[in-house]
All heavy atoms as atom14 arrays in JSON, in Angstrom:
{
  "sequence": "EIDCIAFGRERATEQEAAALRIKVGEPVFRAENRLALQ",
  "atom14_mask": [
    [1, 1, 1, 1, 1, 1, 1, 1, 1, 0, 0, 0, 0, 0],
    [1, 1, 1, 1, 1, 1, 1, 1, 0, 0, 0, 0, 0, 0],
    [1, 1, 1, 1, 1, 1, 1, 1, 0, 0, 0, 0, 0, 0],
    [1, 1, 1, 1, 1, 1, 0, 0, 0, 0, 0, 0, 0, 0],
    [1, 1, 1, 1, 1, 1, 1, 1, 0, 0, 0, 0, 0, 0],
    [1, 1, 1, 1, 1, 0, 0, 0, 0, 0, 0, 0, 0, 0],
    [1, 1, 1, 1, 1, 1, 1, 1, 1, 1, 1, 0, 0, 0],
    [1, 1, 1, 1, 0, 0, 0, 0, 0, 0, 0, 0, 0, 0],
    [1, 1, 1, 1, 1, 1, 1, 1, 1, 1, 1, 0, 0, 0],
    [1, 1, 1, 1, 1, 1, 1, 1, 1, 0, 0, 0, 0, 0],
    [1, 1, 1, 1, 1, 1, 1, 1, 1, 1, 1, 0, 0, 0],
    [1, 1, 1, 1, 1, 0, 0, 0, 0, 0, 0, 0, 0, 0],
    [1, 1, 1, 1, 1, 1, 1, 0, 0, 0, 0, 0, 0, 0],
    [1, 1, 1, 1, 1, 1, 1, 1, 1, 0, 0, 0, 0, 0],
    [1, 1, 1, 1, 1, 1, 1, 1, 1, 0, 0, 0, 0, 0],
    [1, 1, 1, 1, 1, 1, 1, 1, 1, 0, 0, 0, 0, 0],
    [1, 1, 1, 1, 1, 0, 0, 0, 0, 0, 0, 0, 0, 0],
    [1, 1, 1, 1, 1, 0, 0, 0, 0, 0, 0, 0, 0, 0],
    [1, 1, 1, 1, 1, 0, 0, 0, 0, 0, 0, 0, 0, 0],
    [1, 1, 1, 1, 1, 1, 1, 1, 0, 0, 0, 0, 0, 0],
    [1, 1, 1, 1, 1, 1, 1, 1, 1, 1, 1, 0, 0, 0],
    [1, 1, 1, 1, 1, 1, 1, 1, 0, 0, 0, 0, 0, 0],
    [1, 1, 1, 1, 1, 1, 1, 1, 1, 0, 0, 0, 0, 0],
    [1, 1, 1, 1, 1, 1, 1, 0, 0, 0, 0, 0, 0, 0],
    [1, 1, 1, 1, 0, 0, 0, 0, 0, 0, 0, 0, 0, 0],
    [1, 1, 1, 1, 1, 1, 1, 1, 1, 0, 0, 0, 0, 0],
    [1, 1, 1, 1, 1, 1, 1, 0, 0, 0, 0, 0, 0, 0],
    [1, 1, 1, 1, 1, 1, 1, 0, 0, 0, 0, 0, 0, 0],
    [1, 1, 1, 1, 1, 1, 1, 1, 1, 1, 1, 0, 0, 0],
    [1, 1, 1, 1, 1, 1, 1, 1, 1, 1, 1, 0, 0, 0],
    [1, 1, 1, 1, 1, 0, 0, 0, 0, 0, 0, 0, 0, 0],
    [1, 1, 1, 1, 1, 1, 1, 1, 1, 0, 0, 0, 0, 0],
    [1, 1, 1, 1, 1, 1, 1, 1, 0, 0, 0, 0, 0, 0],
    [1, 1, 1, 1, 1, 1, 1, 1, 1, 1, 1, 0, 0, 0],
    [1, 1, 1, 1, 1, 1, 1, 1, 0, 0, 0, 0, 0, 0],
    [1, 1, 1, 1, 1, 0, 0, 0, 0, 0, 0, 0, 0, 0],
    [1, 1, 1, 1, 1, 1, 1, 1, 0, 0, 0, 0, 0, 0],
    [1, 1, 1, 1, 1, 1, 1, 1, 1, 0, 0, 0, 0, 0]
  ],
  "atom14_positions": [
    [[7.22, -40.34, -41.21], [8.2, -41.3, -40.65], [9.5, -40.49, -40.54], [10.01, -39.89, -41.5], [8.39, -42.44, -41.59], [7.14, -43.26, -41.89], [7.34, -44.16, -43.07], [8.48, -44.61, -43.28], [6.36, -44.48, -43.79], [0.0, 0.0, 0.0], [0.0, 0.0, 0.0], [0.0, 0.0, 0.0], [0.0, 0.0, 0.0], [0.0, 0.0, 0.0]],
    [[10.11, -40.48, -39.29], [11.25, -39.64, -39.09], [12.56, -40.42, -38.77], [12.49, -41.31, -37.99], [11.03, -38.64, -37.92], [9.77, -37.86, -38.12], [12.13, -37.7, -37.59], [9.31, -37.01, -37.0], [0.0, 0.0, 0.0], [0.0, 0.0, 0.0], [0.0, 0.0, 0.0], [0.0, 0.0, 0.0], [0.0, 0.0, 0.0], [0.0, 0.0, 0.0]],
    [[13.55, -40.15, -39.53], [14.83, -40.98, -39.4], [15.93, -39.99, -39.09], [16.23, -39.05, -39.88], [15.06, -41.68, -40.71], [16.33, -42.5, -40.65], [16.82, -42.87, -39.59], [16.94, -42.62, -41.72], [0.0, 0.0, 0.0], [0.0, 0.0, 0.0], [0.0, 0.0, 0.0], [0.0, 0.0, 0.0], [0.0, 0.0, 0.0], [0.0, 0.0, 0.0]],
    [[16.59, -40.16, -37.9], [17.67, -39.3, -37.49], [18.89, -39.85, -38.16], [19.3, -40.93, -38.03], [17.89, -39.28, -35.98], [19.22, -38.17, -35.41], [0.0, 0.0, 0.0], [0.0, 0.0, 0.0], [0.0, 0.0, 0.0], [0.0, 0.0, 0.0], [0.0, 0.0, 0.0], [0.0, 0.0, 0.0], [0.0, 0.0, 0.0], [0.0, 0.0, 0.0]],
    [[19.53, -38.89, -39.01], [20.69, -39.39, -39.76], [21.99, -38.74, -39.25], [23.08, -39.07, -39.7], [20.55, -39.07, -41.24], [20.32, -37.55, -41.47], [19.36, -39.91, -41.85], [20.21, -37.24, -42.97], [0.0, 0.0, 0.0], [0.0, 0.0, 0.0], [0.0, 0.0, 0.0], [0.0, 0.0, 0.0], [0.0, 0.0, 0.0], [0.0, 0.0, 0.0]],
    [[21.95, -37.8, -38.27], [23.12, -37.22, -37.75], [22.77, -36.49, -36.46], [21.71, -35.99, -36.3], [23.77, -36.18, -38.66], [0.0, 0.0, 0.0], [0.0, 0.0, 0.0], [0.0, 0.0, 0.0], [0.0, 0.0, 0.0], [0.0, 0.0, 0.0], [0.0, 0.0, 0.0], [0.0, 0.0, 0.0], [0.0, 0.0, 0.0], [0.0, 0.0, 0.0]],
    [[23.73, -36.57, -35.51], [23.53, -35.81, -34.17], [24.9, -35.55, -33.62], [25.84, -36.34, -33.72], [22.74, -36.71, -33.21], [22.47, -36.03, -31.87], [21.29, -35.28, -31.7], [23.49, -36.1, -30.89], [21.07, -34.69, -30.45], [23.21, -35.42, -29.69], [22.03, -34.74, -29.5], [0.0, 0.0, 0.0], [0.0, 0.0, 0.0], [0.0, 0.0, 0.0]],
    [[25.09, -34.4, -33.09], [26.4, -34.1, -32.48], [26.41, -32.71, -31.71], [25.48, -31.98, -31.83], [0.0, 0.0, 0.0], [0.0, 0.0, 0.0], [0.0, 0.0, 0.0], [0.0, 0.0, 0.0], [0.0, 0.0, 0.0], [0.0, 0.0, 0.0], [0.0, 0.0, 0.0], [0.0, 0.0, 0.0], [0.0, 0.0, 0.0], [0.0, 0.0, 0.0]],
    [[27.45, -32.5, -31.0], [27.68, -31.31, -30.21], [28.72, -30.55, -31.01], [29.82, -31.02, -31.28], [28.19, -31.54, -28.8], [28.31, -30.36, -27.93], [28.88, -30.74, -26.58], [29.31, -29.58, -25.7], [28.63, -29.09, -24.81], [27.47, -29.71, -24.37], [28.98, -28.05, -24.08], [0.0, 0.0, 0.0], [0.0, 0.0, 0.0], [0.0, 0.0, 0.0]],
    [[28.34, -29.29, -31.44], [29.29, -28.52, -32.27], [29.33, -27.11, -31.73], [28.79, -26.77, -30.69], [28.69, -28.44, -33.68], [28.33, -29.81, -34.38], [29.54, -30.55, -34.66], [30.66, -30.03, -34.65], [29.45, -31.87, -34.85], [0.0, 0.0, 0.0], [0.0, 0.0, 0.0], [0.0, 0.0, 0.0], [0.0, 0.0, 0.0], [0.0, 0.0, 0.0]],
    [[30.0, -26.21, -32.48], [30.11, -24.79, -32.13], [29.23, -23.92, -32.98], [29.11, -24.14, -34.23], [31.55, -24.3, -32.21], [32.48, -24.99, -31.3], [32.28, -24.58, -29.9], [33.16, -25.25, -28.94], [33.12, -25.03, -27.62], [32.3, -24.07, -27.1], [33.9, -25.72, -26.77], [0.0, 0.0, 0.0], [0.0, 0.0, 0.0], [0.0, 0.0, 0.0]],
    [[28.56, -22.97, -32.45], [27.54, -22.21, -33.15], [28.19, -21.38, -34.31], [29.23, -20.71, -34.07], [26.78, -21.3, -32.26], [0.0, 0.0, 0.0], [0.0, 0.0, 0.0], [0.0, 0.0, 0.0], [0.0, 0.0, 0.0], [0.0, 0.0, 0.0], [0.0, 0.0, 0.0], [0.0, 0.0, 0.0], [0.0, 0.0, 0.0], [0.0, 0.0, 0.0]],
    [[27.58, -21.5, -35.47], [28.03, -20.65, -36.62], [27.46, -19.2, -36.4], [26.65, -19.03, -35.56], [27.59, -21.2, -37.94], [26.06, -21.15, -37.9], [28.02, -22.63, -38.16], [0.0, 0.0, 0.0], [0.0, 0.0, 0.0], [0.0, 0.0, 0.0], [0.0, 0.0, 0.0], [0.0, 0.0, 0.0], [0.0, 0.0, 0.0], [0.0, 0.0, 0.0]],
    [[27.88, -18.29, -37.21], [27.34, -16.94, -37.18], [25.78, -17.01, -37.38], [25.11, -16.27, -36.72], [27.94, -16.09, -38.23], [29.43, -15.67, -37.97], [29.95, -14.67, -38.88], [29.16, -14.15, -39.67], [31.17, -14.4, -38.84], [0.0, 0.0, 0.0], [0.0, 0.0, 0.0], [0.0, 0.0, 0.0], [0.0, 0.0, 0.0], [0.0, 0.0, 0.0]],
    [[25.39, -17.72, -38.36], [23.87, -17.89, -38.65], [23.15, -18.45, -37.44], [22.11, -17.91, -37.01], [23.68, -18.75, -39.86], [22.25, -18.87, -40.33], [22.12, -19.7, -41.57], [22.8, -20.68, -41.75], [21.2, -19.33, -42.48], [0.0, 0.0, 0.0], [0.0, 0.0, 0.0], [0.0, 0.0, 0.0], [0.0, 0.0, 0.0], [0.0, 0.0, 0.0]],
    [[23.62, -19.52, -36.83], [23.02, -20.12, -35.62], [22.99, -19.16, -34.5], [22.03, -18.98, -33.82], [23.72, -21.45, -35.28], [23.49, -22.5, -36.35], [24.4, -23.72, -36.0], [25.54, -23.47, -35.6], [23.97, -24.89, -36.36], [0.0, 0.0, 0.0], [0.0, 0.0, 0.0], [0.0, 0.0, 0.0], [0.0, 0.0, 0.0], [0.0, 0.0, 0.0]],
    [[24.14, -18.49, -34.34], [24.31, -17.56, -33.11], [23.36, -16.47, -33.25], [22.69, -16.04, -32.36], [25.75, -17.1, -33.0], [0.0, 0.0, 0.0], [0.0, 0.0, 0.0], [0.0, 0.0, 0.0], [0.0, 0.0, 0.0], [0.0, 0.0, 0.0], [0.0, 0.0, 0.0], [0.0, 0.0, 0.0], [0.0, 0.0, 0.0], [0.0, 0.0, 0.0]],
    [[23.19, -15.91, -34.43], [22.33, -14.76, -34.64], [20.81, -15.18, -34.38], [20.12, -14.41, -33.74], [22.43, -14.19, -36.08], [0.0, 0.0, 0.0], [0.0, 0.0, 0.0], [0.0, 0.0, 0.0], [0.0, 0.0, 0.0], [0.0, 0.0, 0.0], [0.0, 0.0, 0.0], [0.0, 0.0, 0.0], [0.0, 0.0, 0.0], [0.0, 0.0, 0.0]],
    [[20.49, -16.33, -34.88], [19.1, -16.83, -34.74], [18.81, -17.14, -33.3], [17.7, -16.77, -32.75], [18.83, -17.98, -35.58], [0.0, 0.0, 0.0], [0.0, 0.0, 0.0], [0.0, 0.0, 0.0], [0.0, 0.0, 0.0], [0.0, 0.0, 0.0], [0.0, 0.0, 0.0], [0.0, 0.0, 0.0], [0.0, 0.0, 0.0], [0.0, 0.0, 0.0]],
    [[19.69, -17.8, -32.58], [19.44, -18.28, -31.16], [19.85, -17.22, -30.12], [19.71, -17.46, -28.93], [20.24, -19.54, -30.98], [19.79, -20.76, -31.85], [20.77, -21.92, -31.66], [18.36, -21.21, -31.5], [0.0, 0.0, 0.0], [0.0, 0.0, 0.0], [0.0, 0.0, 0.0], [0.0, 0.0, 0.0], [0.0, 0.0, 0.0], [0.0, 0.0, 0.0]],
    [[20.39, -16.13, -30.61], [20.82, -15.02, -29.72], [21.85, -15.53, -28.69], [21.75, -15.31, -27.52], [19.61, -14.47, -28.92], [18.61, -13.79, -29.81], [17.39, -13.25, -29.07], [16.21, -13.13, -29.85], [15.0, -13.04, -29.38], [14.77, -13.09, -28.08], [13.91, -12.91, -30.13], [0.0, 0.0, 0.0], [0.0, 0.0, 0.0], [0.0, 0.0, 0.0]],
    [[22.8, -16.2, -29.21], [24.0, -16.6, -28.46], [25.22, -16.19, -29.11], [25.22, -15.58, -30.21], [24.05, -18.22, -28.26], [24.07, -18.89, -29.64], [22.8, -18.65, -27.51], [24.19, -20.4, -29.53], [0.0, 0.0, 0.0], [0.0, 0.0, 0.0], [0.0, 0.0, 0.0], [0.0, 0.0, 0.0], [0.0, 0.0, 0.0], [0.0, 0.0, 0.0]],
    [[26.45, -16.4, -28.54], [27.7, -15.99, -29.14], [28.18, -16.98, -30.12], [27.95, -18.22, -30.0], [28.71, -15.77, -28.08], [28.41, -14.64, -27.14], [29.54, -14.44, -26.12], [29.15, -13.26, -25.15], [30.23, -13.1, -24.11], [0.0, 0.0, 0.0], [0.0, 0.0, 0.0], [0.0, 0.0, 0.0], [0.0, 0.0, 0.0], [0.0, 0.0, 0.0]],
    [[28.82, -16.54, -31.23], [29.46, -17.44, -32.16], [30.46, -18.29, -31.41], [31.24, -17.82, -30.6], [30.19, -16.62, -33.23], [30.95, -17.55, -34.18], [29.19, -15.73, -34.07], [0.0, 0.0, 0.0], [0.0, 0.0, 0.0], [0.0, 0.0, 0.0], [0.0, 0.0, 0.0], [0.0, 0.0, 0.0], [0.0, 0.0, 0.0], [0.0, 0.0, 0.0]],
    [[30.4, -19.53, -31.7], [31.28, -20.59, -31.07], [30.75, -21.2, -29.82], [31.36, -22.16, -29.26], [0.0, 0.0, 0.0], [0.0, 0.0, 0.0], [0.0, 0.0, 0.0], [0.0, 0.0, 0.0], [0.0, 0.0, 0.0], [0.0, 0.0, 0.0], [0.0, 0.0, 0.0], [0.0, 0.0, 0.0], [0.0, 0.0, 0.0], [0.0, 0.0, 0.0]],
    [[29.6, -20.71, -29.23], [29.02, -21.29, -28.16], [28.57, -22.72, -28.52], [28.15, -22.94, -29.68], [27.88, -20.46, -27.61], [28.34, -19.35, -26.79], [27.24, -18.68, -25.98], [26.18, -19.42, -25.7], [27.27, -17.46, -25.66], [0.0, 0.0, 0.0], [0.0, 0.0, 0.0], [0.0, 0.0, 0.0], [0.0, 0.0, 0.0], [0.0, 0.0, 0.0]],
    [[28.55, -23.68, -27.62], [28.14, -24.97, -27.95], [26.67, -25.16, -28.26], [25.83, -24.51, -27.65], [28.46, -25.82, -26.75], [28.58, -24.83, -25.59], [29.05, -23.62, -26.2], [0.0, 0.0, 0.0], [0.0, 0.0, 0.0], [0.0, 0.0, 0.0], [0.0, 0.0, 0.0], [0.0, 0.0, 0.0], [0.0, 0.0, 0.0], [0.0, 0.0, 0.0]],
    [[26.37, -25.89, -29.29], [25.03, -26.21, -29.72], [24.95, -27.71, -30.06], [25.97, -28.35, -30.35], [24.55, -25.4, -31.04], [24.54, -23.91, -30.73], [25.45, -25.7, -32.19], [0.0, 0.0, 0.0], [0.0, 0.0, 0.0], [0.0, 0.0, 0.0], [0.0, 0.0, 0.0], [0.0, 0.0, 0.0], [0.0, 0.0, 0.0], [0.0, 0.0, 0.0]],
    [[23.75, -28.23, -29.87], [23.49, -29.59, -30.35], [22.91, -29.49, -31.8], [21.93, -28.65, -31.94], [22.56, -30.34, -29.48], [23.16, -30.76, -28.11], [22.73, -30.09, -27.04], [24.19, -31.73, -28.09], [23.35, -30.48, -25.7], [24.78, -32.07, -26.84], [24.34, -31.45, -25.66], [0.0, 0.0, 0.0], [0.0, 0.0, 0.0], [0.0, 0.0, 0.0]],
    [[23.36, -30.23, -32.72], [22.86, -30.26, -34.03], [22.3, -31.67, -34.34], [22.86, -32.68, -33.95], [23.87, -29.92, -35.08], [24.24, -28.43, -35.11], [25.03, -28.06, -36.4], [25.8, -26.85, -36.22], [27.12, -26.7, -36.29], [27.81, -27.73, -36.72], [27.69, -25.58, -36.19], [0.0, 0.0, 0.0], [0.0, 0.0, 0.0], [0.0, 0.0, 0.0]],
    [[21.19, -31.72, -35.05], [20.62, -33.01, -35.48], [20.11, -32.8, -36.87], [19.73, -31.7, -37.31], [19.5, -33.39, -34.54], [0.0, 0.0, 0.0], [0.0, 0.0, 0.0], [0.0, 0.0, 0.0], [0.0, 0.0, 0.0], [0.0, 0.0, 0.0], [0.0, 0.0, 0.0], [0.0, 0.0, 0.0], [0.0, 0.0, 0.0], [0.0, 0.0, 0.0]],
    [[20.1, -33.91, -37.62], [19.49, -33.94, -39.01], [18.51, -35.08, -39.02], [18.8, -36.23, -38.62], [20.64, -34.11, -40.05], [21.63, -32.95, -40.15], [22.6, -33.22, -41.32], [22.14, -33.53, -42.44], [23.79, -33.12, -41.07], [0.0, 0.0, 0.0], [0.0, 0.0, 0.0], [0.0, 0.0, 0.0], [0.0, 0.0, 0.0], [0.0, 0.0, 0.0]],
    [[17.37, -34.8, -39.52], [16.29, -35.73, -39.68], [15.92, -35.81, -41.11], [15.81, -34.75, -41.83], [15.07, -35.43, -38.83], [15.34, -35.66, -37.37], [16.08, -36.48, -36.93], [14.63, -34.82, -36.51], [0.0, 0.0, 0.0], [0.0, 0.0, 0.0], [0.0, 0.0, 0.0], [0.0, 0.0, 0.0], [0.0, 0.0, 0.0], [0.0, 0.0, 0.0]],
    [[15.54, -36.99, -41.58], [14.97, -37.2, -42.84], [13.47, -37.65, -42.66], [13.2, -38.57, -41.88], [15.72, -38.27, -43.58], [15.26, -38.49, -45.03], [16.34, -39.35, -45.79], [16.74, -40.49, -44.97], [17.79, -41.14, -45.22], [18.64, -40.85, -46.21], [18.08, -42.27, -44.46], [0.0, 0.0, 0.0], [0.0, 0.0, 0.0], [0.0, 0.0, 0.0]],
    [[12.52, -36.92, -43.28], [11.12, -37.18, -43.09], [10.53, -37.74, -44.27], [10.64, -37.18, -45.41], [10.38, -35.93, -42.61], [10.68, -35.38, -41.21], [12.03, -34.6, -41.22], [9.57, -34.55, -40.64], [0.0, 0.0, 0.0], [0.0, 0.0, 0.0], [0.0, 0.0, 0.0], [0.0, 0.0, 0.0], [0.0, 0.0, 0.0], [0.0, 0.0, 0.0]],
    [[9.66, -38.81, -44.16], [9.0, -39.38, -45.29], [7.51, -39.52, -45.04], [7.0, -39.56, -43.89], [9.59, -40.78, -45.54], [0.0, 0.0, 0.0], [0.0, 0.0, 0.0], [0.0, 0.0, 0.0], [0.0, 0.0, 0.0], [0.0, 0.0, 0.0], [0.0, 0.0, 0.0], [0.0, 0.0, 0.0], [0.0, 0.0, 0.0], [0.0, 0.0, 0.0]],
    [[6.8, -39.31, -46.15], [5.32, -39.57, -46.07], [4.95, -40.63, -47.08], [5.37, -40.66, -48.16], [4.56, -38.21, -46.5], [4.65, -37.03, -45.54], [3.96, -35.79, -46.11], [3.91, -37.42, -44.2], [0.0, 0.0, 0.0], [0.0, 0.0, 0.0], [0.0, 0.0, 0.0], [0.0, 0.0, 0.0], [0.0, 0.0, 0.0], [0.0, 0.0, 0.0]],
    [[4.2, -41.71, -46.5], [3.82, -42.9, -47.32], [5.06, -43.43, -48.07], [4.99, -43.85, -49.14], [2.77, -42.44, -48.29], [1.53, -41.94, -47.65], [0.45, -41.49, -48.68], [0.73, -41.12, -49.84], [-0.75, -41.36, -48.23], [0.0, 0.0, 0.0], [0.0, 0.0, 0.0], [0.0, 0.0, 0.0], [0.0, 0.0, 0.0], [0.0, 0.0, 0.0]]
  ]
}
């Protein structure tokens, strides 16, 4: 069971930029989900 608890357009951190191969500060969409089993 998946519950979205946050969503927004933000600026890429150094960690995100390095992983996604984009520049720091470029726009990214971020989401947070909470997952439950039974």
